[in-house]
All heavy atoms as atom14 arrays in JSON, in Angstrom:
{
  "sequence": "DAMRMEFILQQATLEADRKIIEAKGERDAQKILSEGLTDKL",
  "atom14_mask": [
    [1, 1, 1, 1, 1, 1, 1, 1, 0, 0, 0, 0, 0, 0],
    [1, 1, 1, 1, 1, 0, 0, 0, 0, 0, 0, 0, 0, 0],
    [1, 1, 1, 1, 1, 1, 1, 1, 0, 0, 0, 0, 0, 0],
    [1, 1, 1, 1, 1, 1, 1, 1, 1, 1, 1, 0, 0, 0],
    [1, 1, 1, 1, 1, 1, 1, 1, 0, 0, 0, 0, 0, 0],
    [1, 1, 1, 1, 1, 1, 1, 1, 1, 0, 0, 0, 0, 0],
    [1, 1, 1, 1, 1, 1, 1, 1, 1, 1, 1, 0, 0, 0],
    [1, 1, 1, 1, 1, 1, 1, 1, 0, 0, 0, 0, 0, 0],
    [1, 1, 1, 1, 1, 1, 1, 1, 0, 0, 0, 0, 0, 0],
    [1, 1, 1, 1, 1, 1, 1, 1, 1, 0, 0, 0, 0, 0],
    [1, 1, 1, 1, 1, 1, 1, 1, 1, 0, 0, 0, 0, 0],
    [1, 1, 1, 1, 1, 0, 0, 0, 0, 0, 0, 0, 0, 0],
    [1, 1, 1, 1, 1, 1, 1, 0, 0, 0, 0, 0, 0, 0],
    [1, 1, 1, 1, 1, 1, 1, 1, 0, 0, 0, 0, 0, 0],
    [1, 1, 1, 1, 1, 1, 1, 1, 1, 0, 0, 0, 0, 0],
    [1, 1, 1, 1, 1, 0, 0, 0, 0, 0, 0, 0, 0, 0],
    [1, 1, 1, 1, 1, 1, 1, 1, 0, 0, 0, 0, 0, 0],
    [1, 1, 1, 1, 1, 1, 1, 1, 1, 1, 1, 0, 0, 0],
    [1, 1, 1, 1, 1, 1, 1, 1, 1, 0, 0, 0, 0, 0],
    [1, 1, 1, 1, 1, 1, 1, 1, 0, 0, 0, 0, 0, 0],
    [1, 1, 1, 1, 1, 1, 1, 1, 0, 0, 0, 0, 0, 0],
    [1, 1, 1, 1, 1, 1, 1, 1, 1, 0, 0, 0, 0, 0],
    [1, 1, 1, 1, 1, 0, 0, 0, 0, 0, 0, 0, 0, 0],
    [1, 1, 1, 1, 1, 1, 1, 1, 1, 0, 0, 0, 0, 0],
    [1, 1, 1, 1, 0, 0, 0, 0, 0, 0, 0, 0, 0, 0],
    [1, 1, 1, 1, 1, 1, 1, 1, 1, 0, 0, 0, 0, 0],
    [1, 1, 1, 1, 1, 1, 1, 1, 1, 1, 1, 0, 0, 0],
    [1, 1, 1, 1, 1, 1, 1, 1, 0, 0, 0, 0, 0, 0],
    [1, 1, 1, 1, 1, 0, 0, 0, 0, 0, 0, 0, 0, 0],
    [1, 1, 1, 1, 1, 1, 1, 1, 1, 0, 0, 0, 0, 0],
    [1, 1, 1, 1, 1, 1, 1, 1, 1, 0, 0, 0, 0, 0],
    [1, 1, 1, 1, 1, 1, 1, 1, 0, 0, 0, 0, 0, 0],
    [1, 1, 1, 1, 1, 1, 1, 1, 0, 0, 0, 0, 0, 0],
    [1, 1, 1, 1, 1, 1, 0, 0, 0, 0, 0, 0, 0, 0],
    [1, 1, 1, 1, 1, 1, 1, 1, 1, 0, 0, 0, 0, 0],
    [1, 1, 1, 1, 0, 0, 0, 0, 0, 0, 0, 0, 0, 0],
    [1, 1, 1, 1, 1, 1, 1, 1, 0, 0, 0, 0, 0, 0],
    [1, 1, 1, 1, 1, 1, 1, 0, 0, 0, 0, 0, 0, 0],
    [1, 1, 1, 1, 1, 1, 1, 1, 0, 0, 0, 0, 0, 0],
    [1, 1, 1, 1, 1, 1, 1, 1, 1, 0, 0, 0, 0, 0],
    [1, 1, 1, 1, 1, 1, 1, 1, 0, 0, 0, 0, 0, 0]
  ],
  "atom14_positions": [
    [[0.83, -1.26, 0.02], [0.0, 0.0, 0.04], [0.8, 1.27, 0.03], [0.53, 2.31, -0.69], [-0.87, -0.02, 1.24], [-2.01, -1.08, 1.18], [-2.23, -1.56, 0.04], [-2.56, -1.41, 2.14], [0.0, 0.0, 0.0], [0.0, 0.0, 0.0], [0.0, 0.0, 0.0], [0.0, 0.0, 0.0], [0.0, 0.0, 0.0], [0.0, 0.0, 0.0]],
    [[1.95, 1.22, 0.79], [2.82, 2.34, 0.88], [3.47, 2.52, -0.45], [3.68, 3.77, -0.95], [3.89, 2.14, 1.88], [0.0, 0.0, 0.0], [0.0, 0.0, 0.0], [0.0, 0.0, 0.0], [0.0, 0.0, 0.0], [0.0, 0.0, 0.0], [0.0, 0.0, 0.0], [0.0, 0.0, 0.0], [0.0, 0.0, 0.0], [0.0, 0.0, 0.0]],
    [[3.86, 1.47, -1.1], [4.58, 1.71, -2.44], [3.56, 2.22, -3.45], [3.97, 3.01, -4.34], [5.12, 0.36, -2.92], [6.32, -0.19, -2.06], [6.87, -1.9, -2.51], [7.34, -1.62, -4.24], [0.0, 0.0, 0.0], [0.0, 0.0, 0.0], [0.0, 0.0, 0.0], [0.0, 0.0, 0.0], [0.0, 0.0, 0.0], [0.0, 0.0, 0.0]],
    [[2.38, 1.76, -3.44], [1.33, 2.19, -4.3], [0.97, 3.77, -4.13], [0.95, 4.5, -5.07], [0.02, 1.31, -4.2], [-1.1, 1.73, -5.21], [-2.11, 0.69, -5.19], [-2.72, 0.43, -4.01], [-2.58, -0.7, -3.33], [-1.8, -1.65, -3.83], [-3.02, -0.88, -2.12], [0.0, 0.0, 0.0], [0.0, 0.0, 0.0], [0.0, 0.0, 0.0]],
    [[0.88, 4.14, -2.84], [0.67, 5.53, -2.57], [1.9, 6.5, -2.93], [1.66, 7.55, -3.46], [0.51, 5.67, -1.07], [0.19, 7.19, -0.63], [-1.26, 7.83, -1.48], [-2.54, 6.73, -0.79], [0.0, 0.0, 0.0], [0.0, 0.0, 0.0], [0.0, 0.0, 0.0], [0.0, 0.0, 0.0], [0.0, 0.0, 0.0], [0.0, 0.0, 0.0]],
    [[3.09, 5.87, -2.81], [4.33, 6.64, -3.16], [4.2, 6.83, -4.71], [4.64, 7.94, -5.22], [5.62, 5.86, -2.91], [6.9, 6.61, -3.17], [8.16, 5.85, -2.75], [7.95, 4.83, -2.08], [9.2, 6.31, -2.99], [0.0, 0.0, 0.0], [0.0, 0.0, 0.0], [0.0, 0.0, 0.0], [0.0, 0.0, 0.0], [0.0, 0.0, 0.0]],
    [[3.86, 5.87, -5.49], [3.77, 5.87, -6.9], [2.69, 7.02, -7.37], [2.98, 7.86, -8.18], [3.38, 4.59, -7.5], [3.17, 4.67, -9.04], [4.13, 4.62, -9.85], [1.85, 4.65, -9.52], [3.93, 4.68, -11.27], [1.54, 4.62, -10.91], [2.57, 4.7, -11.76], [0.0, 0.0, 0.0], [0.0, 0.0, 0.0], [0.0, 0.0, 0.0]],
    [[1.58, 6.92, -6.64], [0.51, 8.02, -6.98], [0.93, 9.43, -6.66], [0.77, 10.27, -7.42], [-0.74, 7.66, -6.08], [-1.37, 6.39, -6.61], [-1.78, 8.74, -6.15], [-2.53, 5.84, -5.65], [0.0, 0.0, 0.0], [0.0, 0.0, 0.0], [0.0, 0.0, 0.0], [0.0, 0.0, 0.0], [0.0, 0.0, 0.0], [0.0, 0.0, 0.0]],
    [[1.75, 9.56, -5.55], [2.26, 10.86, -5.2], [3.32, 11.36, -6.25], [3.32, 12.46, -6.67], [2.81, 10.8, -3.77], [1.83, 10.8, -2.66], [2.7, 10.56, -1.3], [1.01, 11.95, -2.65], [0.0, 0.0, 0.0], [0.0, 0.0, 0.0], [0.0, 0.0, 0.0], [0.0, 0.0, 0.0], [0.0, 0.0, 0.0], [0.0, 0.0, 0.0]],
    [[4.16, 10.44, -6.62], [5.18, 10.7, -7.72], [4.41, 11.23, -8.93], [4.82, 12.1, -9.7], [6.03, 9.49, -7.91], [7.03, 9.26, -6.89], [7.84, 8.0, -7.13], [7.57, 7.25, -8.07], [8.93, 7.76, -6.31], [0.0, 0.0, 0.0], [0.0, 0.0, 0.0], [0.0, 0.0, 0.0], [0.0, 0.0, 0.0], [0.0, 0.0, 0.0]],
    [[3.4, 10.48, -9.35], [2.71, 10.88, -10.53], [2.06, 12.18, -10.41], [1.99, 13.1, -11.42], [1.6, 9.75, -10.9], [2.11, 8.4, -11.31], [3.0, 8.52, -12.64], [4.23, 8.36, -12.5], [2.26, 8.71, -13.69], [0.0, 0.0, 0.0], [0.0, 0.0, 0.0], [0.0, 0.0, 0.0], [0.0, 0.0, 0.0], [0.0, 0.0, 0.0]],
    [[1.44, 12.46, -9.29], [0.87, 13.88, -9.05], [1.86, 14.89, -9.06], [1.65, 16.04, -9.61], [0.11, 13.81, -7.68], [0.0, 0.0, 0.0], [0.0, 0.0, 0.0], [0.0, 0.0, 0.0], [0.0, 0.0, 0.0], [0.0, 0.0, 0.0], [0.0, 0.0, 0.0], [0.0, 0.0, 0.0], [0.0, 0.0, 0.0], [0.0, 0.0, 0.0]],
    [[3.07, 14.62, -8.49], [4.14, 15.66, -8.56], [4.63, 15.9, -9.9], [4.8, 17.06, -10.35], [5.35, 15.14, -7.66], [4.9, 14.9, -6.39], [6.53, 16.15, -7.57], [0.0, 0.0, 0.0], [0.0, 0.0, 0.0], [0.0, 0.0, 0.0], [0.0, 0.0, 0.0], [0.0, 0.0, 0.0], [0.0, 0.0, 0.0], [0.0, 0.0, 0.0]],
    [[4.68, 14.86, -10.8], [5.19, 14.97, -12.08], [4.12, 15.84, -12.9], [4.48, 16.7, -13.75], [5.36, 13.65, -12.75], [6.53, 12.8, -12.29], [6.6, 11.44, -12.86], [7.9, 13.54, -12.63], [0.0, 0.0, 0.0], [0.0, 0.0, 0.0], [0.0, 0.0, 0.0], [0.0, 0.0, 0.0], [0.0, 0.0, 0.0], [0.0, 0.0, 0.0]],
    [[2.83, 15.56, -12.6], [1.83, 16.33, -13.33], [1.78, 17.75, -12.91], [1.61, 18.62, -13.81], [0.39, 15.72, -12.99], [-0.76, 16.31, -13.7], [-0.71, 16.27, -15.21], [-0.02, 15.36, -15.72], [-1.48, 16.99, -15.87], [0.0, 0.0, 0.0], [0.0, 0.0, 0.0], [0.0, 0.0, 0.0], [0.0, 0.0, 0.0], [0.0, 0.0, 0.0]],
    [[1.99, 18.03, -11.63], [2.03, 19.4, -11.17], [3.25, 20.14, -11.79], [3.15, 21.35, -12.21], [2.14, 19.4, -9.66], [0.0, 0.0, 0.0], [0.0, 0.0, 0.0], [0.0, 0.0, 0.0], [0.0, 0.0, 0.0], [0.0, 0.0, 0.0], [0.0, 0.0, 0.0], [0.0, 0.0, 0.0], [0.0, 0.0, 0.0], [0.0, 0.0, 0.0]],
    [[4.37, 19.39, -11.91], [5.57, 20.04, -12.46], [5.42, 20.44, -13.93], [5.69, 21.42, -14.49], [6.7, 19.18, -12.39], [7.23, 18.98, -11.0], [6.91, 19.83, -10.11], [8.04, 18.0, -10.57], [0.0, 0.0, 0.0], [0.0, 0.0, 0.0], [0.0, 0.0, 0.0], [0.0, 0.0, 0.0], [0.0, 0.0, 0.0], [0.0, 0.0, 0.0]],
    [[4.66, 19.45, -14.64], [4.37, 19.73, -16.0], [3.49, 20.92, -16.22], [3.75, 21.77, -17.14], [3.64, 18.5, -16.57], [3.41, 18.61, -18.12], [2.55, 17.4, -18.61], [1.18, 17.51, -17.96], [0.16, 18.25, -18.56], [0.39, 19.05, -19.56], [-1.06, 18.2, -17.97], [0.0, 0.0, 0.0], [0.0, 0.0, 0.0], [0.0, 0.0, 0.0]],
    [[2.39, 21.04, -15.39], [1.55, 22.2, -15.54], [2.27, 23.59, -15.22], [2.09, 24.64, -15.75], [0.42, 22.08, -14.54], [-0.55, 20.98, -15.07], [-1.8, 20.87, -14.06], [-2.73, 19.89, -14.65], [-3.88, 19.72, -13.72], [0.0, 0.0, 0.0], [0.0, 0.0, 0.0], [0.0, 0.0, 0.0], [0.0, 0.0, 0.0], [0.0, 0.0, 0.0]],
    [[3.2, 23.5, -14.22], [3.99, 24.66, -13.83], [4.93, 25.07, -15.03], [5.02, 26.21, -15.43], [4.81, 24.4, -12.67], [3.98, 24.26, -11.45], [5.95, 25.49, -12.42], [4.74, 23.85, -10.17], [0.0, 0.0, 0.0], [0.0, 0.0, 0.0], [0.0, 0.0, 0.0], [0.0, 0.0, 0.0], [0.0, 0.0, 0.0], [0.0, 0.0, 0.0]],
    [[5.54, 24.08, -15.69], [6.33, 24.43, -16.81], [5.51, 24.94, -17.97], [6.05, 25.97, -18.66], [7.01, 23.13, -17.27], [8.12, 22.67, -16.26], [7.78, 23.23, -18.57], [8.7, 21.29, -16.5], [0.0, 0.0, 0.0], [0.0, 0.0, 0.0], [0.0, 0.0, 0.0], [0.0, 0.0, 0.0], [0.0, 0.0, 0.0], [0.0, 0.0, 0.0]],
    [[4.35, 24.4, -18.27], [3.59, 25.01, -19.24], [3.07, 26.4, -18.93], [3.13, 27.26, -19.88], [2.16, 24.06, -19.42], [2.42, 22.65, -20.11], [1.15, 21.99, -20.37], [0.16, 22.48, -19.77], [1.27, 20.94, -21.0], [0.0, 0.0, 0.0], [0.0, 0.0, 0.0], [0.0, 0.0, 0.0], [0.0, 0.0, 0.0], [0.0, 0.0, 0.0]],
    [[2.69, 26.7, -17.76], [2.29, 28.08, -17.28], [3.41, 29.01, -17.44], [3.27, 30.1, -17.89], [1.68, 28.01, -15.96], [0.0, 0.0, 0.0], [0.0, 0.0, 0.0], [0.0, 0.0, 0.0], [0.0, 0.0, 0.0], [0.0, 0.0, 0.0], [0.0, 0.0, 0.0], [0.0, 0.0, 0.0], [0.0, 0.0, 0.0], [0.0, 0.0, 0.0]],
    [[4.58, 28.55, -17.15], [5.79, 29.44, -17.18], [6.06, 29.71, -18.6], [6.48, 30.86, -18.95], [6.93, 28.74, -16.45], [8.19, 29.63, -16.43], [9.32, 28.81, -15.65], [10.63, 29.78, -15.71], [11.77, 29.18, -15.02], [0.0, 0.0, 0.0], [0.0, 0.0, 0.0], [0.0, 0.0, 0.0], [0.0, 0.0, 0.0], [0.0, 0.0, 0.0]],
    [[5.97, 28.63, -19.46], [6.26, 28.93, -20.9], [5.25, 29.93, -21.48], [5.66, 30.81, -22.32], [0.0, 0.0, 0.0], [0.0, 0.0, 0.0], [0.0, 0.0, 0.0], [0.0, 0.0, 0.0], [0.0, 0.0, 0.0], [0.0, 0.0, 0.0], [0.0, 0.0, 0.0], [0.0, 0.0, 0.0], [0.0, 0.0, 0.0], [0.0, 0.0, 0.0]],
    [[4.0, 29.78, -21.16], [2.94, 30.74, -21.7], [3.25, 32.2, -21.2], [3.13, 33.13, -21.94], [1.52, 30.34, -21.23], [1.11, 29.11, -21.96], [-0.25, 28.56, -21.51], [-0.81, 29.31, -20.72], [-0.71, 27.46, -21.94], [0.0, 0.0, 0.0], [0.0, 0.0, 0.0], [0.0, 0.0, 0.0], [0.0, 0.0, 0.0], [0.0, 0.0, 0.0]],
    [[3.64, 32.29, -19.88], [3.85, 33.6, -19.29], [5.12, 34.28, -19.96], [5.05, 35.34, -20.31], [4.18, 33.39, -17.85], [4.49, 34.76, -17.07], [5.14, 34.52, -15.68], [6.36, 33.82, -15.97], [7.15, 33.37, -14.92], [6.69, 33.3, -13.68], [8.38, 32.89, -15.18], [0.0, 0.0, 0.0], [0.0, 0.0, 0.0], [0.0, 0.0, 0.0]],
    [[6.21, 33.38, -20.21], [7.35, 33.94, -20.95], [7.06, 34.39, -22.32], [7.54, 35.39, -22.75], [8.42, 32.93, -20.87], [9.05, 32.64, -19.49], [8.71, 33.51, -18.58], [9.61, 31.65, -19.27], [0.0, 0.0, 0.0], [0.0, 0.0, 0.0], [0.0, 0.0, 0.0], [0.0, 0.0, 0.0], [0.0, 0.0, 0.0], [0.0, 0.0, 0.0]],
    [[6.22, 33.58, -22.94], [5.78, 33.94, -24.33], [5.05, 35.29, -24.39], [5.36, 36.2, -25.24], [4.94, 32.81, -25.05], [0.0, 0.0, 0.0], [0.0, 0.0, 0.0], [0.0, 0.0, 0.0], [0.0, 0.0, 0.0], [0.0, 0.0, 0.0], [0.0, 0.0, 0.0], [0.0, 0.0, 0.0], [0.0, 0.0, 0.0], [0.0, 0.0, 0.0]],
    [[4.12, 35.44, -23.48], [3.38, 36.73, -23.39], [4.25, 37.85, -23.1], [4.08, 38.93, -23.62], [2.12, 36.61, -22.38], [1.12, 35.59, -22.63], [0.29, 36.13, -23.91], [0.17, 37.26, -24.2], [-0.27, 35.11, -24.61], [0.0, 0.0, 0.0], [0.0, 0.0, 0.0], [0.0, 0.0, 0.0], [0.0, 0.0, 0.0], [0.0, 0.0, 0.0]],
    [[5.23, 37.65, -22.21], [6.15, 38.67, -21.82], [7.09, 39.13, -23.0], [7.18, 40.26, -23.27], [6.98, 38.23, -20.68], [7.97, 39.25, -20.16], [8.78, 38.72, -18.85], [9.77, 39.84, -18.42], [10.48, 39.24, -17.29], [0.0, 0.0, 0.0], [0.0, 0.0, 0.0], [0.0, 0.0, 0.0], [0.0, 0.0, 0.0], [0.0, 0.0, 0.0]],
    [[7.48, 38.12, -23.72], [8.34, 38.42, -24.85], [7.5, 39.21, -25.91], [7.99, 40.14, -26.57], [8.93, 37.14, -25.47], [9.87, 36.56, -24.53], [9.58, 37.32, -26.88], [10.37, 35.18, -24.85], [0.0, 0.0, 0.0], [0.0, 0.0, 0.0], [0.0, 0.0, 0.0], [0.0, 0.0, 0.0], [0.0, 0.0, 0.0], [0.0, 0.0, 0.0]],
    [[6.34, 38.75, -26.11], [5.42, 39.41, -27.08], [5.1, 40.8, -26.79], [5.16, 41.68, -27.54], [4.07, 38.6, -27.3], [3.14, 39.12, -28.38], [3.8, 39.09, -29.74], [1.91, 38.24, -28.36], [0.0, 0.0, 0.0], [0.0, 0.0, 0.0], [0.0, 0.0, 0.0], [0.0, 0.0, 0.0], [0.0, 0.0, 0.0], [0.0, 0.0, 0.0]],
    [[4.73, 41.03, -25.48], [4.44, 42.38, -25.05], [5.65, 43.4, -25.08], [5.48, 44.52, -25.37], [3.83, 42.34, -23.51], [4.76, 41.87, -22.66], [0.0, 0.0, 0.0], [0.0, 0.0, 0.0], [0.0, 0.0, 0.0], [0.0, 0.0, 0.0], [0.0, 0.0, 0.0], [0.0, 0.0, 0.0], [0.0, 0.0, 0.0], [0.0, 0.0, 0.0]],
    [[6.82, 42.78, -24.72], [7.9, 43.59, -24.8], [8.43, 43.91, -26.18], [8.95, 44.99, -26.46], [9.12, 42.97, -24.08], [8.9, 42.76, -22.58], [10.08, 41.99, -21.99], [10.85, 41.38, -22.72], [10.17, 41.91, -20.62], [0.0, 0.0, 0.0], [0.0, 0.0, 0.0], [0.0, 0.0, 0.0], [0.0, 0.0, 0.0], [0.0, 0.0, 0.0]],
    [[8.03, 43.03, -27.14], [8.33, 43.36, -28.57], [7.5, 44.26, -29.2], [7.79, 44.92, -30.22], [0.0, 0.0, 0.0], [0.0, 0.0, 0.0], [0.0, 0.0, 0.0], [0.0, 0.0, 0.0], [0.0, 0.0, 0.0], [0.0, 0.0, 0.0], [0.0, 0.0, 0.0], [0.0, 0.0, 0.0], [0.0, 0.0, 0.0], [0.0, 0.0, 0.0]],
    [[6.16, 44.47, -28.77], [5.21, 45.32, -29.3], [5.47, 46.88, -28.97], [4.67, 47.43, -28.17], [3.78, 44.93, -29.04], [3.38, 43.64, -29.76], [2.0, 43.23, -29.29], [3.44, 43.78, -31.18], [0.0, 0.0, 0.0], [0.0, 0.0, 0.0], [0.0, 0.0, 0.0], [0.0, 0.0, 0.0], [0.0, 0.0, 0.0], [0.0, 0.0, 0.0]],
    [[6.51, 47.55, -29.47], [6.75, 48.9, -29.14], [5.89, 49.78, -30.05], [5.35, 49.33, -31.01], [8.25, 49.22, -29.23], [8.56, 49.02, -30.61], [9.08, 48.32, -28.37], [0.0, 0.0, 0.0], [0.0, 0.0, 0.0], [0.0, 0.0, 0.0], [0.0, 0.0, 0.0], [0.0, 0.0, 0.0], [0.0, 0.0, 0.0], [0.0, 0.0, 0.0]],
    [[5.82, 51.13, -29.79], [5.09, 52.07, -30.54], [5.74, 52.11, -32.02], [4.92, 52.14, -32.93], [5.17, 53.44, -29.95], [4.37, 53.45, -28.6], [3.54, 52.48, -28.42], [4.6, 54.39, -27.82], [0.0, 0.0, 0.0], [0.0, 0.0, 0.0], [0.0, 0.0, 0.0], [0.0, 0.0, 0.0], [0.0, 0.0, 0.0], [0.0, 0.0, 0.0]],
    [[7.03, 52.02, -32.17], [7.72, 52.07, -33.34], [7.28, 50.95, -34.21], [6.98, 51.03, -35.39], [9.18, 52.09, -33.19], [9.8, 53.48, -32.81], [9.68, 54.39, -34.02], [10.44, 55.73, -33.67], [10.31, 56.6, -34.93], [0.0, 0.0, 0.0], [0.0, 0.0, 0.0], [0.0, 0.0, 0.0], [0.0, 0.0, 0.0], [0.0, 0.0, 0.0]],
    [[7.27, 49.69, -33.58], [6.9, 48.53, -34.26], [5.52, 48.5, -34.77], [5.14, 48.19, -35.83], [7.14, 47.24, -33.35], [6.81, 45.97, -34.07], [7.66, 45.67, -35.27], [7.07, 44.79, -33.11], [0.0, 0.0, 0.0], [0.0, 0.0, 0.0], [0.0, 0.0, 0.0], [0.0, 0.0, 0.0], [0.0, 0.0, 0.0], [0.0, 0.0, 0.0]]
  ]
}
């Protein structure tokens, strides 16, 4: 039971890390886009 619970926790941690990476990527993309849209451009 302990091994099964440890596996479930590991899977949940991996999924959370994946979502964090996705959110960080989207945030960085928006930041780059907003910084690139100057008045001159």
